Amino acid sequence: MAGVPKQREAIHAYLSEEAHGAFQTFAEENGVSVTGLLEALGLELMAELSMSSSSTDVRQDWVKRARKIDAERRRRGR
């Protein structure tokens, strides 16, 4: 199949029940896999990165939300 990488990399993540459920529901209701969704998002991100001079210029609203989540999880872990 064209476009399918020969080697695949794994992503391991601990998500909240809500985030996990959202991925599962969205994928199921659209007839795709979560893997397919993540691959599509990763390729979209790569295209955005290739058009930008710096990765810090891309999707900063996403980065800000991720920073907030990371900080909240670190506080809960103490």
N, C-alpha and C. Protein backbone atom coordinates (compact mmCIF):
# COMPACT_ATOMS: atom_id res chain seq x y z
N MET A 1 0.84 -1.17 0.00
CA MET A 1 0.00 0.00 0.00
C MET A 1 0.89 1.24 0.00
N ALA A 2 0.64 2.17 -0.89
CA ALA A 2 1.45 3.39 -0.98
C ALA A 2 1.21 4.27 0.23
N GLY A 3 2.27 4.88 0.70
CA GLY A 3 2.15 5.82 1.80
C GLY A 3 2.21 5.20 3.19
N VAL A 4 2.20 3.88 3.26
CA VAL A 4 2.27 3.22 4.55
C VAL A 4 3.74 3.01 4.91
N PRO A 5 4.17 3.52 6.05
CA PRO A 5 5.58 3.37 6.41
C PRO A 5 5.93 1.91 6.66
N LYS A 6 7.17 1.55 6.34
CA LYS A 6 7.62 0.18 6.56
C LYS A 6 7.79 -0.10 8.05
N GLN A 7 8.26 0.90 8.78
CA GLN A 7 8.44 0.75 10.22
C GLN A 7 7.45 1.66 10.91
N ARG A 8 6.86 1.18 11.99
CA ARG A 8 5.91 1.98 12.73
C ARG A 8 6.46 2.26 14.12
N GLU A 9 6.12 3.41 14.64
CA GLU A 9 6.53 3.81 15.98
C GLU A 9 5.31 3.81 16.87
N ALA A 10 5.50 3.48 18.14
CA ALA A 10 4.39 3.43 19.09
C ALA A 10 4.32 4.71 19.90
N ILE A 11 3.11 5.09 20.25
CA ILE A 11 2.87 6.19 21.19
C ILE A 11 2.19 5.57 22.40
N HIS A 12 2.72 5.89 23.55
CA HIS A 12 2.10 5.41 24.79
C HIS A 12 1.71 6.63 25.60
N ALA A 13 0.46 6.72 26.01
CA ALA A 13 0.02 7.90 26.75
C ALA A 13 -1.03 7.50 27.78
N TYR A 14 -1.00 8.21 28.89
CA TYR A 14 -2.04 8.05 29.91
C TYR A 14 -2.99 9.22 29.77
N LEU A 15 -4.22 8.93 29.39
CA LEU A 15 -5.23 9.95 29.17
C LEU A 15 -6.30 9.88 30.24
N SER A 16 -6.97 10.99 30.43
CA SER A 16 -8.14 10.98 31.31
C SER A 16 -9.21 10.10 30.65
N GLU A 17 -10.15 9.64 31.43
CA GLU A 17 -11.25 8.85 30.87
C GLU A 17 -11.99 9.64 29.80
N GLU A 18 -12.15 10.94 30.05
CA GLU A 18 -12.88 11.79 29.10
C GLU A 18 -12.15 11.90 27.77
N ALA A 19 -10.85 12.15 27.81
CA ALA A 19 -10.08 12.28 26.58
C ALA A 19 -10.03 10.96 25.82
N HIS A 20 -9.82 9.87 26.55
CA HIS A 20 -9.78 8.54 25.91
C HIS A 20 -11.12 8.25 25.25
N GLY A 21 -12.19 8.50 26.00
CA GLY A 21 -13.53 8.26 25.47
C GLY A 21 -13.82 9.09 24.24
N ALA A 22 -13.35 10.33 24.24
CA ALA A 22 -13.56 11.20 23.09
C ALA A 22 -12.89 10.63 21.84
N PHE A 23 -11.64 10.18 21.99
CA PHE A 23 -10.95 9.57 20.86
C PHE A 23 -11.70 8.34 20.36
N GLN A 24 -12.08 7.47 21.29
CA GLN A 24 -12.77 6.24 20.91
C GLN A 24 -14.11 6.53 20.22
N THR A 25 -14.90 7.40 20.81
CA THR A 25 -16.21 7.73 20.24
C THR A 25 -16.07 8.36 18.87
N PHE A 26 -15.19 9.34 18.76
CA PHE A 26 -14.99 10.02 17.48
C PHE A 26 -14.56 9.03 16.40
N ALA A 27 -13.60 8.18 16.74
CA ALA A 27 -13.12 7.19 15.77
C ALA A 27 -14.23 6.23 15.36
N GLU A 28 -14.92 5.66 16.35
CA GLU A 28 -15.98 4.69 16.06
C GLU A 28 -17.08 5.30 15.20
N GLU A 29 -17.52 6.51 15.58
CA GLU A 29 -18.62 7.13 14.86
C GLU A 29 -18.25 7.57 13.45
N ASN A 30 -16.97 7.68 13.18
CA ASN A 30 -16.52 8.04 11.85
C ASN A 30 -15.92 6.87 11.08
N GLY A 31 -15.96 5.68 11.67
CA GLY A 31 -15.52 4.48 10.98
C GLY A 31 -14.02 4.40 10.74
N VAL A 32 -13.25 4.98 11.65
CA VAL A 32 -11.79 4.92 11.53
C VAL A 32 -11.21 4.45 12.86
N SER A 33 -9.92 4.19 12.87
CA SER A 33 -9.25 3.80 14.10
C SER A 33 -8.62 5.02 14.76
N VAL A 34 -8.36 4.91 16.06
CA VAL A 34 -7.63 5.97 16.75
C VAL A 34 -6.25 6.09 16.14
N THR A 35 -5.65 4.98 15.76
CA THR A 35 -4.35 5.00 15.09
C THR A 35 -4.41 5.83 13.82
N GLY A 36 -5.45 5.62 13.02
CA GLY A 36 -5.61 6.39 11.79
C GLY A 36 -5.75 7.88 12.07
N LEU A 37 -6.51 8.22 13.11
CA LEU A 37 -6.67 9.62 13.48
C LEU A 37 -5.33 10.24 13.89
N LEU A 38 -4.56 9.52 14.72
CA LEU A 38 -3.28 10.04 15.18
C LEU A 38 -2.28 10.16 14.02
N GLU A 39 -2.29 9.20 13.12
CA GLU A 39 -1.41 9.27 11.94
C GLU A 39 -1.76 10.48 11.10
N ALA A 40 -3.05 10.71 10.86
CA ALA A 40 -3.49 11.86 10.07
C ALA A 40 -3.08 13.17 10.75
N LEU A 41 -3.26 13.24 12.06
CA LEU A 41 -2.88 14.44 12.79
C LEU A 41 -1.36 14.66 12.74
N GLY A 42 -0.60 13.59 12.91
CA GLY A 42 0.85 13.70 12.85
C GLY A 42 1.35 14.18 11.50
N LEU A 43 0.74 13.67 10.43
CA LEU A 43 1.14 14.09 9.09
C LEU A 43 0.75 15.54 8.83
N GLU A 44 -0.41 15.94 9.36
CA GLU A 44 -0.84 17.34 9.24
C GLU A 44 0.14 18.25 9.99
N LEU A 45 0.53 17.83 11.18
CA LEU A 45 1.48 18.60 11.97
C LEU A 45 2.83 18.70 11.24
N MET A 46 3.28 17.60 10.66
CA MET A 46 4.54 17.61 9.92
C MET A 46 4.48 18.60 8.75
N ALA A 47 3.36 18.66 8.06
CA ALA A 47 3.20 19.61 6.95
C ALA A 47 3.28 21.04 7.47
N GLU A 48 2.64 21.30 8.60
CA GLU A 48 2.68 22.64 9.19
C GLU A 48 4.11 22.99 9.61
N LEU A 49 4.81 22.04 10.20
CA LEU A 49 6.19 22.28 10.63
C LEU A 49 7.10 22.57 9.44
N SER A 50 6.87 21.88 8.34
CA SER A 50 7.72 22.07 7.16
C SER A 50 7.52 23.45 6.53
N MET A 51 6.38 24.08 6.80
CA MET A 51 6.11 25.41 6.25
C MET A 51 6.48 26.52 7.23
N SER A 52 6.96 26.16 8.41
CA SER A 52 7.28 27.14 9.44
C SER A 52 8.78 27.18 9.69
N SER A 53 9.28 28.32 10.10
CA SER A 53 10.70 28.43 10.40
C SER A 53 11.05 27.84 11.75
N SER A 54 10.04 27.68 12.62
CA SER A 54 10.27 27.13 13.96
C SER A 54 9.04 26.39 14.46
N SER A 55 9.28 25.31 15.18
CA SER A 55 8.15 24.55 15.73
C SER A 55 7.41 25.36 16.80
N THR A 56 8.05 26.40 17.31
CA THR A 56 7.38 27.24 18.31
C THR A 56 6.43 28.24 17.66
N ASP A 57 6.33 28.21 16.34
CA ASP A 57 5.37 29.06 15.62
C ASP A 57 4.10 28.30 15.26
N VAL A 58 4.05 27.01 15.55
CA VAL A 58 2.95 26.15 15.12
C VAL A 58 2.10 25.74 16.31
N ARG A 59 0.80 25.86 16.19
CA ARG A 59 -0.20 25.36 17.14
C ARG A 59 0.08 25.74 18.60
N GLN A 60 0.38 26.98 18.83
CA GLN A 60 0.72 27.40 20.19
C GLN A 60 -0.47 27.35 21.14
N ASP A 61 -1.69 27.46 20.64
CA ASP A 61 -2.86 27.28 21.51
C ASP A 61 -2.90 25.85 22.05
N TRP A 62 -2.51 24.90 21.23
CA TRP A 62 -2.44 23.49 21.61
C TRP A 62 -1.36 23.30 22.68
N VAL A 63 -0.21 23.94 22.46
CA VAL A 63 0.91 23.84 23.40
C VAL A 63 0.51 24.42 24.76
N LYS A 64 -0.17 25.55 24.76
CA LYS A 64 -0.60 26.17 26.02
C LYS A 64 -1.54 25.25 26.80
N ARG A 65 -2.47 24.61 26.11
CA ARG A 65 -3.38 23.67 26.79
C ARG A 65 -2.61 22.47 27.33
N ALA A 66 -1.63 21.99 26.57
CA ALA A 66 -0.81 20.85 27.02
C ALA A 66 0.03 21.22 28.23
N ARG A 67 0.57 22.42 28.24
CA ARG A 67 1.35 22.87 29.40
C ARG A 67 0.49 22.90 30.66
N LYS A 68 -0.73 23.37 30.51
CA LYS A 68 -1.65 23.44 31.65
C LYS A 68 -1.94 22.04 32.18
N ILE A 69 -2.21 21.11 31.28
CA ILE A 69 -2.48 19.72 31.67
C ILE A 69 -1.26 19.11 32.35
N ASP A 70 -0.07 19.31 31.77
CA ASP A 70 1.17 18.78 32.37
C ASP A 70 1.37 19.33 33.78
N ALA A 71 1.16 20.64 33.95
CA ALA A 71 1.35 21.26 35.27
C ALA A 71 0.35 20.72 36.28
N GLU A 72 -0.90 20.55 35.86
CA GLU A 72 -1.92 20.00 36.77
C GLU A 72 -1.57 18.58 37.19
N ARG A 73 -1.08 17.79 36.28
CA ARG A 73 -0.73 16.40 36.59
C ARG A 73 0.48 16.33 37.51
N ARG A 74 1.45 17.23 37.31
CA ARG A 74 2.61 17.26 38.21
C ARG A 74 2.17 17.63 39.62
N ARG A 75 1.27 18.60 39.76
CA ARG A 75 0.79 19.00 41.09
C ARG A 75 0.06 17.85 41.77
N ARG A 76 -0.74 17.11 41.02
CA ARG A 76 -1.47 15.98 41.60
C ARG A 76 -0.54 14.84 42.00
N GLY A 77 0.61 14.75 41.32
CA GLY A 77 1.55 13.68 41.60
C GLY A 77 2.37 13.87 42.86
N ARG A 78 2.30 15.05 43.45
CA ARG A 78 3.10 15.33 44.65
C ARG A 78 2.42 14.85 45.88
